[in-house]
């Protein structure tokens, strides 16, 4: 199961009870909005120790539909690339 924004907000508000929930909600929304804007501009977003998110342009190509075996033209599009940080990789593999 993935992390849902409401659960993330709940965990942060439990960790920092002296902050108002509406302020934490606003902060999370600002962070996510700025990440989206940076990716839209073509910049990458790096969270130290966690990973890096960037946008790559995938060239147009001719591909094959596996069901019908017919050729399909796929236009150029942008895709999201993810690279995990070393600290996260170590934590996942219990190397700490």
PDB file of N, CA and C in Angstrom:
ATOM      1  N   UNK A   1       0.839  -1.177   0.000  1.00  0.00           N
ATOM      2  CA  UNK A   1       0.000   0.000   0.000  1.00  0.00           C
ATOM      3  C   UNK A   1       0.890   1.248   0.000  1.00  0.00           C
ATOM      4  N   UNK A   2       0.535   2.204  -0.774  1.00  0.00           N
ATOM      5  CA  UNK A   2       1.312   3.433  -0.890  1.00  0.00           C
ATOM      6  C   UNK A   2       0.983   4.415   0.220  1.00  0.00           C
ATOM      7  N   UNK A   3       1.744   5.478   0.246  1.00  0.00           N
ATOM      8  CA  UNK A   3       1.521   6.544   1.220  1.00  0.00           C
ATOM      9  C   UNK A   3       0.524   7.525   0.631  1.00  0.00           C
ATOM     10  N   UNK A   4      -0.553   7.753   1.343  1.00  0.00           N
ATOM     11  CA  UNK A   4      -1.591   8.681   0.927  1.00  0.00           C
ATOM     12  C   UNK A   4      -1.326  10.005   1.635  1.00  0.00           C
ATOM     13  N   UNK A   5      -1.637  11.106   0.966  1.00  0.00           N
ATOM     14  CA  UNK A   5      -1.361  12.428   1.529  1.00  0.00           C
ATOM     15  C   UNK A   5      -2.024  12.604   2.896  1.00  0.00           C
ATOM     16  N   UNK A   6      -3.232  12.095   3.072  1.00  0.00           N
ATOM     17  CA  UNK A   6      -3.924  12.252   4.363  1.00  0.00           C
ATOM     18  C   UNK A   6      -3.205  11.483   5.478  1.00  0.00           C
ATOM     19  N   UNK A   7      -2.661  10.299   5.155  1.00  0.00           N
ATOM     20  CA  UNK A   7      -1.927   9.536   6.174  1.00  0.00           C
ATOM     21  C   UNK A   7      -0.597  10.207   6.497  1.00  0.00           C
ATOM     22  N   UNK A   8       0.045  10.766   5.478  1.00  0.00           N
ATOM     23  CA  UNK A   8       1.290  11.492   5.691  1.00  0.00           C
ATOM     24  C   UNK A   8       1.037  12.688   6.609  1.00  0.00           C
ATOM     25  N   UNK A   9      -0.034  13.403   6.350  1.00  0.00           N
ATOM     26  CA  UNK A   9      -0.404  14.557   7.179  1.00  0.00           C
ATOM     27  C   UNK A   9      -0.664  14.117   8.618  1.00  0.00           C
ATOM     28  N   UNK A  10      -1.339  12.993   8.780  1.00  0.00           N
ATOM     29  CA  UNK A  10      -1.648  12.480  10.118  1.00  0.00           C
ATOM     30  C   UNK A  10      -0.371  12.133  10.883  1.00  0.00           C
ATOM     31  N   UNK A  11       0.583  11.479  10.199  1.00  0.00           N
ATOM     32  CA  UNK A  11       1.844  11.111  10.844  1.00  0.00           C
ATOM     33  C   UNK A  11       2.651  12.345  11.232  1.00  0.00           C
ATOM     34  N   UNK A  12       2.687  13.339  10.342  1.00  0.00           N
ATOM     35  CA  UNK A  12       3.429  14.565  10.647  1.00  0.00           C
ATOM     36  C   UNK A  12       2.771  15.314  11.801  1.00  0.00           C
ATOM     37  N   UNK A  13       1.444  15.374  11.804  1.00  0.00           N
ATOM     38  CA  UNK A  13       0.755  16.082  12.900  1.00  0.00           C
ATOM     39  C   UNK A  13       0.924  15.350  14.227  1.00  0.00           C
ATOM     40  N   UNK A  14       1.048  14.029  14.206  1.00  0.00           N
ATOM     41  CA  UNK A  14       1.314  13.275  15.436  1.00  0.00           C
ATOM     42  C   UNK A  14       2.740  13.525  15.924  1.00  0.00           C
ATOM     43  N   UNK A  15       3.676  13.667  14.980  1.00  0.00           N
ATOM     44  CA  UNK A  15       5.073  13.913  15.352  1.00  0.00           C
ATOM     45  C   UNK A  15       5.298  15.342  15.841  1.00  0.00           C
ATOM     46  N   UNK A  16       4.527  16.272  15.306  1.00  0.00           N
ATOM     47  CA  UNK A  16       4.653  17.679  15.673  1.00  0.00           C
ATOM     48  C   UNK A  16       3.297  18.222  16.130  1.00  0.00           C
ATOM     49  N   UNK A  17       2.853  17.860  17.338  1.00  0.00           N
ATOM     50  CA  UNK A  17       1.512  18.269  17.791  1.00  0.00           C
ATOM     51  C   UNK A  17       1.366  19.771  18.045  1.00  0.00           C
ATOM     52  N   UNK A  18       2.480  20.499  18.155  1.00  0.00           N
ATOM     53  CA  UNK A  18       2.390  21.934  18.423  1.00  0.00           C
ATOM     54  C   UNK A  18       2.081  22.748  17.165  1.00  0.00           C
ATOM     55  N   UNK A  19       2.114  22.139  15.984  1.00  0.00           N
ATOM     56  CA  UNK A  19       1.757  22.830  14.746  1.00  0.00           C
ATOM     57  C   UNK A  19       0.282  22.592  14.435  1.00  0.00           C
ATOM     58  N   UNK A  20      -0.381  23.613  13.931  1.00  0.00           N
ATOM     59  CA  UNK A  20      -1.789  23.472  13.554  1.00  0.00           C
ATOM     60  C   UNK A  20      -1.895  22.593  12.313  1.00  0.00           C
ATOM     61  N   UNK A  21      -2.948  21.786  12.259  1.00  0.00           N
ATOM     62  CA  UNK A  21      -3.133  20.860  11.148  1.00  0.00           C
ATOM     63  C   UNK A  21      -3.294  21.607   9.823  1.00  0.00           C
ATOM     64  N   UNK A  22      -3.953  22.771   9.852  1.00  0.00           N
ATOM     65  CA  UNK A  22      -4.146  23.530   8.613  1.00  0.00           C
ATOM     66  C   UNK A  22      -2.814  24.073   8.098  1.00  0.00           C
ATOM     67  N   UNK A  23      -1.884  24.421   9.007  1.00  0.00           N
ATOM     68  CA  UNK A  23      -0.566  24.891   8.586  1.00  0.00           C
ATOM     69  C   UNK A  23       0.246  23.754   7.968  1.00  0.00           C
ATOM     70  N   UNK A  24       0.153  22.572   8.564  1.00  0.00           N
ATOM     71  CA  UNK A  24       0.851  21.414   8.007  1.00  0.00           C
ATOM     72  C   UNK A  24       0.285  21.040   6.636  1.00  0.00           C
ATOM     73  N   UNK A  25      -1.037  21.109   6.488  1.00  0.00           N
ATOM     74  CA  UNK A  25      -1.678  20.814   5.209  1.00  0.00           C
ATOM     75  C   UNK A  25      -1.197  21.795   4.146  1.00  0.00           C
ATOM     76  N   UNK A  26      -1.159  23.065   4.499  1.00  0.00           N
ATOM     77  CA  UNK A  26      -0.713  24.101   3.565  1.00  0.00           C
ATOM     78  C   UNK A  26       0.750  23.873   3.167  1.00  0.00           C
ATOM     79  N   UNK A  27       1.586  23.505   4.130  1.00  0.00           N
ATOM     80  CA  UNK A  27       3.010  23.255   3.867  1.00  0.00           C
ATOM     81  C   UNK A  27       3.201  22.081   2.907  1.00  0.00           C
ATOM     82  N   UNK A  28       2.488  20.997   3.157  1.00  0.00           N
ATOM     83  CA  UNK A  28       2.592  19.824   2.274  1.00  0.00           C
ATOM     84  C   UNK A  28       2.122  20.174   0.867  1.00  0.00           C
ATOM     85  N   UNK A  29       1.029  20.919   0.761  1.00  0.00           N
ATOM     86  CA  UNK A  29       0.523  21.318  -0.554  1.00  0.00           C
ATOM     87  C   UNK A  29       1.512  22.214  -1.291  1.00  0.00           C
ATOM     88  N   UNK A  30       2.166  23.122  -0.571  1.00  0.00           N
ATOM     89  CA  UNK A  30       3.160  24.002  -1.197  1.00  0.00           C
ATOM     90  C   UNK A  30       4.342  23.181  -1.716  1.00  0.00           C
ATOM     91  N   UNK A  31       4.826  22.245  -0.920  1.00  0.00           N
ATOM     92  CA  UNK A  31       5.962  21.405  -1.333  1.00  0.00           C
ATOM     93  C   UNK A  31       5.613  20.613  -2.581  1.00  0.00           C
ATOM     94  N   UNK A  32       4.459  19.965  -2.599  1.00  0.00           N
ATOM     95  CA  UNK A  32       4.063  19.157  -3.752  1.00  0.00           C
ATOM     96  C   UNK A  32       3.831  20.010  -4.996  1.00  0.00           C
ATOM     97  N   UNK A  33       3.247  21.197  -4.814  1.00  0.00           N
ATOM     98  CA  UNK A  33       3.018  22.103  -5.939  1.00  0.00           C
ATOM     99  C   UNK A  33       4.343  22.563  -6.541  1.00  0.00           C
ATOM    100  N   UNK A  34       5.305  22.906  -5.695  1.00  0.00           N
ATOM    101  CA  UNK A  34       6.615  23.347  -6.189  1.00  0.00           C
ATOM    102  C   UNK A  34       7.360  22.216  -6.881  1.00  0.00           C
ATOM    103  N   UNK A  35       7.193  20.985  -6.399  1.00  0.00           N
ATOM    104  CA  UNK A  35       7.807  19.841  -7.077  1.00  0.00           C
ATOM    105  C   UNK A  35       7.210  19.678  -8.479  1.00  0.00           C
ATOM    106  N   UNK A  36       5.896  19.794  -8.592  1.00  0.00           N
ATOM    107  CA  UNK A  36       5.227  19.678  -9.894  1.00  0.00           C
ATOM    108  C   UNK A  36       5.681  20.770 -10.844  1.00  0.00           C
ATOM    109  N   UNK A  37       5.788  21.999 -10.331  1.00  0.00           N
ATOM    110  CA  UNK A  37       6.223  23.118 -11.173  1.00  0.00           C
ATOM    111  C   UNK A  37       7.645  22.919 -11.678  1.00  0.00           C
ATOM    112  N   UNK A  38       8.526  22.441 -10.798  1.00  0.00           N
ATOM    113  CA  UNK A  38       9.919  22.207 -11.189  1.00  0.00           C
ATOM    114  C   UNK A  38       9.990  21.140 -12.278  1.00  0.00           C
ATOM    115  N   UNK A  39       9.228  20.071 -12.129  1.00  0.00           N
ATOM    116  CA  UNK A  39       9.230  19.000 -13.137  1.00  0.00           C
ATOM    117  C   UNK A  39       8.635  19.496 -14.454  1.00  0.00           C
ATOM    118  N   UNK A  40       7.614  20.322 -14.388  1.00  0.00           N
ATOM    119  CA  UNK A  40       7.002  20.878 -15.592  1.00  0.00           C
ATOM    120  C   UNK A  40       8.003  21.761 -16.347  1.00  0.00           C
ATOM    121  N   UNK A  41       8.857  22.492 -15.601  1.00  0.00           N
ATOM    122  CA  UNK A  41       9.877  23.336 -16.224  1.00  0.00           C
ATOM    123  C   UNK A  41      11.025  22.515 -16.800  1.00  0.00           C
ATOM    124  N   UNK A  42      11.109  21.247 -16.414  1.00  0.00           N
ATOM    125  CA  UNK A  42      12.199  20.398 -16.889  1.00  0.00           C
ATOM    126  C   UNK A  42      13.330  20.278 -15.881  1.00  0.00           C
ATOM    127  N   UNK A  43      13.167  20.879 -14.709  1.00  0.00           N
ATOM    128  CA  UNK A  43      14.172  20.762 -13.651  1.00  0.00           C
ATOM    129  C   UNK A  43      13.992  19.427 -12.942  1.00  0.00           C
ATOM    130  N   UNK A  44      15.012  19.020 -12.203  1.00  0.00           N
ATOM    131  CA  UNK A  44      14.882  17.802 -11.417  1.00  0.00           C
ATOM    132  C   UNK A  44      14.650  18.182  -9.957  1.00  0.00           C
ATOM    133  N   UNK A  45      14.085  17.263  -9.205  1.00  0.00           N
ATOM    134  CA  UNK A  45      13.811  17.468  -7.784  1.00  0.00           C
ATOM    135  C   UNK A  45      14.625  16.438  -7.015  1.00  0.00           C
ATOM    136  N   UNK A  46      15.473  16.924  -6.119  1.00  0.00           N
ATOM    137  CA  UNK A  46      16.319  16.021  -5.346  1.00  0.00           C
ATOM    138  C   UNK A  46      16.012  16.169  -3.868  1.00  0.00           C
ATOM    139  N   UNK A  47      15.699  15.053  -3.230  1.00  0.00           N
ATOM    140  CA  UNK A  47      15.496  15.005  -1.791  1.00  0.00           C
ATOM    141  C   UNK A  47      16.665  14.210  -1.226  1.00  0.00           C
ATOM    142  N   UNK A  48      17.621  14.903  -0.606  1.00  0.00           N
ATOM    143  CA  UNK A  48      18.855  14.267  -0.139  1.00  0.00           C
ATOM    144  C   UNK A  48      18.558  13.063   0.740  1.00  0.00           C
ATOM    145  N   UNK A  49      19.250  11.974   0.443  1.00  0.00           N
ATOM    146  CA  UNK A  49      19.072  10.749   1.209  1.00  0.00           C
ATOM    147  C   UNK A  49      17.865   9.935   0.784  1.00  0.00           C
ATOM    148  N   UNK A  50      17.015  10.500  -0.057  1.00  0.00           N
ATOM    149  CA  UNK A  50      15.808   9.791  -0.497  1.00  0.00           C
ATOM    150  C   UNK A  50      15.883   9.448  -1.975  1.00  0.00           C
ATOM    151  N   UNK A  51      16.086  10.447  -2.815  1.00  0.00           N
ATOM    152  CA  UNK A  51      16.180  10.171  -4.241  1.00  0.00           C
ATOM    153  C   UNK A  51      16.030  11.405  -5.098  1.00  0.00           C
ATOM    154  N   UNK A  52      16.040  11.162  -6.394  1.00  0.00           N
ATOM    155  CA  UNK A  52      15.963  12.246  -7.368  1.00  0.00           C
ATOM    156  C   UNK A  52      14.884  11.918  -8.396  1.00  0.00           C
ATOM    157  N   UNK A  53      14.039  12.899  -8.691  1.00  0.00           N
ATOM    158  CA  UNK A  53      12.981  12.752  -9.687  1.00  0.00           C
ATOM    159  C   UNK A  53      13.297  13.735 -10.807  1.00  0.00           C
ATOM    160  N   UNK A  54      13.274  13.249 -12.052  1.00  0.00           N
ATOM    161  CA  UNK A  54      13.536  14.130 -13.188  1.00  0.00           C
ATOM    162  C   UNK A  54      12.608  13.750 -14.334  1.00  0.00           C
ATOM    163  N   UNK A  55      12.564  14.626 -15.340  1.00  0.00           N
ATOM    164  CA  UNK A  55      11.719  14.399 -16.505  1.00  0.00           C
ATOM    165  C   UNK A  55      12.618  14.138 -17.709  1.00  0.00           C
ATOM    166  N   UNK A  56      12.276  13.128 -18.484  1.00  0.00           N
ATOM    167  CA  UNK A  56      13.029  12.786 -19.684  1.00  0.00           C
ATOM    168  C   UNK A  56      12.050  12.757 -20.856  1.00  0.00           C
ATOM    169  N   UNK A  57      12.505  13.220 -22.009  1.00  0.00           N
ATOM    170  CA  UNK A  57      11.666  13.172 -23.197  1.00  0.00           C
ATOM    171  C   UNK A  57      11.901  11.852 -23.918  1.00  0.00           C
ATOM    172  N   UNK A  58      10.829  11.131 -24.140  1.00  0.00           N
ATOM    173  CA  UNK A  58      10.904   9.858 -24.849  1.00  0.00           C
ATOM    174  C   UNK A  58      10.580  10.123 -26.318  1.00  0.00           C
ATOM    175  N   UNK A  59      11.460   9.698 -27.211  1.00  0.00           N
ATOM    176  CA  UNK A  59      11.285   9.961 -28.630  1.00  0.00           C
ATOM    177  C   UNK A  59      10.062   9.229 -29.195  1.00  0.00           C
ATOM    178  N   UNK A  60       9.541   9.784 -30.269  1.00  0.00           N
ATOM    179  CA  UNK A  60       8.426   9.127 -30.967  1.00  0.00           C
ATOM    180  C   UNK A  60       8.946   7.822 -31.568  1.00  0.00           C
ATOM    181  N   UNK A  61       8.095   6.818 -31.621  1.00  0.00           N
ATOM    182  CA  UNK A  61       8.529   5.519 -32.150  1.00  0.00           C
ATOM    183  C   UNK A  61       7.337   4.736 -32.686  1.00  0.00           C
ATOM    184  N   UNK A  62       7.669   3.696 -33.418  1.00  0.00           N
ATOM    185  CA  UNK A  62       6.656   2.751 -33.902  1.00  0.00           C
ATOM    186  C   UNK A  62       6.765   1.515 -33.015  1.00  0.00           C
ATOM    187  N   UNK A  63       5.665   1.135 -32.399  1.00  0.00           N
ATOM    188  CA  UNK A  63       5.648  -0.042 -31.523  1.00  0.00           C
ATOM    189  C   UNK A  63       4.588  -1.011 -32.011  1.00  0.00           C
ATOM    190  N   UNK A  64       4.562  -2.161 -31.394  1.00  0.00           N
ATOM    191  CA  UNK A  64       3.632  -3.198 -31.820  1.00  0.00           C
ATOM    192  C   UNK A  64       2.669  -3.517 -30.691  1.00  0.00           C
ATOM    193  N   UNK A  65       1.371  -3.583 -31.039  1.00  0.00           N
ATOM    194  CA  UNK A  65       0.350  -3.983 -30.088  1.00  0.00           C
ATOM    195  C   UNK A  65       0.490  -5.494 -29.897  1.00  0.00           C
ATOM    196  N   UNK A  66       0.783  -5.977 -28.680  1.00  0.00           N
ATOM    197  CA  UNK A  66       1.023  -7.407 -28.486  1.00  0.00           C
ATOM    198  C   UNK A  66      -0.202  -8.294 -28.747  1.00  0.00           C
ATOM    199  N   UNK A  67      -1.393  -7.743 -28.604  1.00  0.00           N
ATOM    200  CA  UNK A  67      -2.606  -8.536 -28.846  1.00  0.00           C
ATOM    201  C   UNK A  67      -2.871  -8.747 -30.323  1.00  0.00           C
ATOM    202  N   UNK A  68      -2.840  -7.637 -31.054  1.00  0.00           N
ATOM    203  CA  UNK A  68      -3.214  -7.711 -32.472  1.00  0.00           C
ATOM    204  C   UNK A  68      -2.007  -7.761 -33.401  1.00  0.00           C
ATOM    205  N   UNK A  69      -0.814  -7.527 -32.856  1.00  0.00           N
ATOM    206  CA  UNK A  69       0.438  -7.502 -33.619  1.00  0.00           C
ATOM    207  C   UNK A  69       0.468  -6.390 -34.673  1.00  0.00           C
ATOM    208  N   UNK A  70      -0.432  -5.434 -34.585  1.00  0.00           N
ATOM    209  CA  UNK A  70      -0.399  -4.330 -35.550  1.00  0.00           C
ATOM    210  C   UNK A  70       0.542  -3.244 -35.037  1.00  0.00           C
ATOM    211  N   UNK A  71       1.128  -2.485 -35.961  1.00  0.00           N
ATOM    212  CA  UNK A  71       2.061  -1.424 -35.611  1.00  0.00           C
ATOM    213  C   UNK A  71       1.280  -0.183 -35.187  1.00  0.00           C
ATOM    214  N   UNK A  72       1.793   0.462 -34.145  1.00  0.00           N
ATOM    215  CA  UNK A  72       1.147   1.649 -33.593  1.00  0.00           C
ATOM    216  C   UNK A  72       2.195   2.748 -33.475  1.00  0.00           C
ATOM    217  N   UNK A  73       1.866   3.944 -33.961  1.00  0.00           N
ATOM    218  CA  UNK A  73       2.770   5.083 -33.837  1.00  0.00           C
ATOM    219  C   UNK A  73       2.566   5.729 -32.473  1.00  0.00           C
ATOM    220  N   UNK A  74       3.634   5.832 -31.694  1.00  0.00           N
ATOM    221  CA  UNK A  74       3.579   6.444 -30.376  1.00  0.00           C
ATOM    222  C   UNK A  74       4.271   7.802 -30.470  1.00  0.00           C
ATOM    223  N   UNK A  75       3.564   8.891 -30.182  1.00  0.00           N
ATOM    224  CA  UNK A  75       4.169  10.225 -30.299  1.00  0.00           C
ATOM    225  C   UNK A  75       5.210  10.476 -29.199  1.00  0.00           C
ATOM    226  N   UNK A  76       6.016  11.521 -29.392  1.00  0.00           N
ATOM    227  CA  UNK A  76       6.988  11.918 -28.386  1.00  0.00           C
ATOM    228  C   UNK A  76       6.247  12.325 -27.115  1.00  0.00           C
ATOM    229  N   UNK A  77       6.795  11.935 -25.962  1.00  0.00           N
ATOM    230  CA  UNK A  77       6.156  12.285 -24.698  1.00  0.00           C
ATOM    231  C   UNK A  77       7.202  12.406 -23.600  1.00  0.00           C
ATOM    232  N   UNK A  78       6.808  13.049 -22.505  1.00  0.00           N
ATOM    233  CA  UNK A  78       7.687  13.196 -21.358  1.00  0.00           C
ATOM    234  C   UNK A  78       7.348  12.114 -20.342  1.00  0.00           C
ATOM    235  N   UNK A  79       8.392  11.534 -19.750  1.00  0.00           N
ATOM    236  CA  UNK A  79       8.214  10.500 -18.737  1.00  0.00           C
ATOM    237  C   UNK A  79       9.006  10.878 -17.493  1.00  0.00           C
ATOM    238  N   UNK A  80       8.588  10.367 -16.356  1.00  0.00           N
ATOM    239  CA  UNK A  80       9.253  10.657 -15.092  1.00  0.00           C
ATOM    240  C   UNK A  80      10.293   9.579 -14.823  1.00  0.00           C
ATOM    241  N   UNK A  81      11.480  10.012 -14.424  1.00  0.00           N
ATOM    242  CA  UNK A  81      12.570   9.108 -14.072  1.00  0.00           C
ATOM    243  C   UNK A  81      12.826   9.230 -12.574  1.00  0.00           C
ATOM    244  N   UNK A  82      13.122   8.110 -11.932  1.00  0.00           N
ATOM    245  CA  UNK A  82      13.369   8.077 -10.491  1.00  0.00           C
ATOM    246  C   UNK A  82      14.691   7.382 -10.239  1.00  0.00           C
ATOM    247  N   UNK A  83      15.503   7.953  -9.390  1.00  0.00           N
ATOM    248  CA  UNK A  83      16.735   7.298  -8.957  1.00  0.00           C
ATOM    249  C   UNK A  83      16.806   7.427  -7.444  1.00  0.00           C
ATOM    250  N   UNK A  84      16.879   6.289  -6.766  1.00  0.00           N
ATOM    251  CA  UNK A  84      16.883   6.302  -5.309  1.00  0.00           C
ATOM    252  C   UNK A  84      18.238   6.785  -4.786  1.00  0.00           C
ATOM    253  N   UNK A  85      18.212   7.368  -3.597  1.00  0.00           N
ATOM    254  CA  UNK A  85      19.428   7.823  -2.937  1.00  0.00           C
ATOM    255  C   UNK A  85      20.138   6.658  -2.268  1.00  0.00           C
ATOM    256  N   UNK A  86      21.424   6.824  -2.022  1.00  0.00           N
ATOM    257  CA  UNK A  86      22.218   5.758  -1.400  1.00  0.00           C
ATOM    258  C   UNK A  86      21.714   5.414  -0.004  1.00  0.00           C
ATOM    259  N   UNK A  87      21.335   6.444   0.763  1.00  0.00           N
ATOM    260  CA  UNK A  87      20.847   6.192   2.124  1.00  0.00           C
ATOM    261  C   UNK A  87      19.573   5.352   2.109  1.00  0.00           C
ATOM    262  N   UNK A  88      18.656   5.665   1.193  1.00  0.00           N
ATOM    263  CA  UNK A  88      17.412   4.900   1.079  1.00  0.00           C
ATOM    264  C   UNK A  88      17.692   3.465   0.664  1.00  0.00           C
ATOM    265  N   UNK A  89      18.591   3.284  -0.279  1.00  0.00           N
ATOM    266  CA  UNK A  89      18.947   1.940  -0.749  1.00  0.00           C
ATOM    267  C   UNK A  89      19.539   1.109   0.379  1.00  0.00           C
ATOM    268  N   UNK A  90      20.406   1.716   1.190  1.00  0.00           N
ATOM    269  CA  UNK A  90      20.998   1.000   2.332  1.00  0.00           C
ATOM    270  C   UNK A  90      19.927   0.624   3.349  1.00  0.00           C
ATOM    271  N   UNK A  91      19.001   1.560   3.601  1.00  0.00           N
ATOM    272  CA  UNK A  91      17.949   1.297   4.588  1.00  0.00           C
ATOM    273  C   UNK A  91      17.027   0.164   4.116  1.00  0.00           C
ATOM    274  N   UNK A  92      16.706   0.156   2.826  1.00  0.00           N
ATOM    275  CA  UNK A  92      15.844  -0.898   2.280  1.00  0.00           C
ATOM    276  C   UNK A  92      16.509  -2.267   2.382  1.00  0.00           C
ATOM    277  N   UNK A  93      17.817  -2.302   2.145  1.00  0.00           N
ATOM    278  CA  UNK A  93      18.577  -3.569   2.173  1.00  0.00           C
ATOM    279  C   UNK A  93      19.150  -3.900   3.542  1.00  0.00           C
ATOM    280  N   UNK A  94      18.706  -3.193   4.584  1.00  0.00           N
ATOM    281  CA  UNK A  94      19.148  -3.427   5.969  1.00  0.00           C
ATOM    282  C   UNK A  94      20.657  -3.411   6.105  1.00  0.00           C
ATOM    283  N   UNK A  95      21.311  -2.458   5.463  1.00  0.00           N
ATOM    284  CA  UNK A  95      22.758  -2.350   5.530  1.00  0.00           C
ATOM    285  C   UNK A  95      23.216  -1.327   6.550  1.00  0.00           C
ATOM    286  N   UNK A  96      22.310  -0.821   7.371  1.00  0.00           N
ATOM    287  CA  UNK A  96      22.682   0.194   8.363  1.00  0.00           C
ATOM    288  C   UNK A  96      23.152  -0.432   9.631  1.00  0.00           C
TER     289      UNK A  96
END
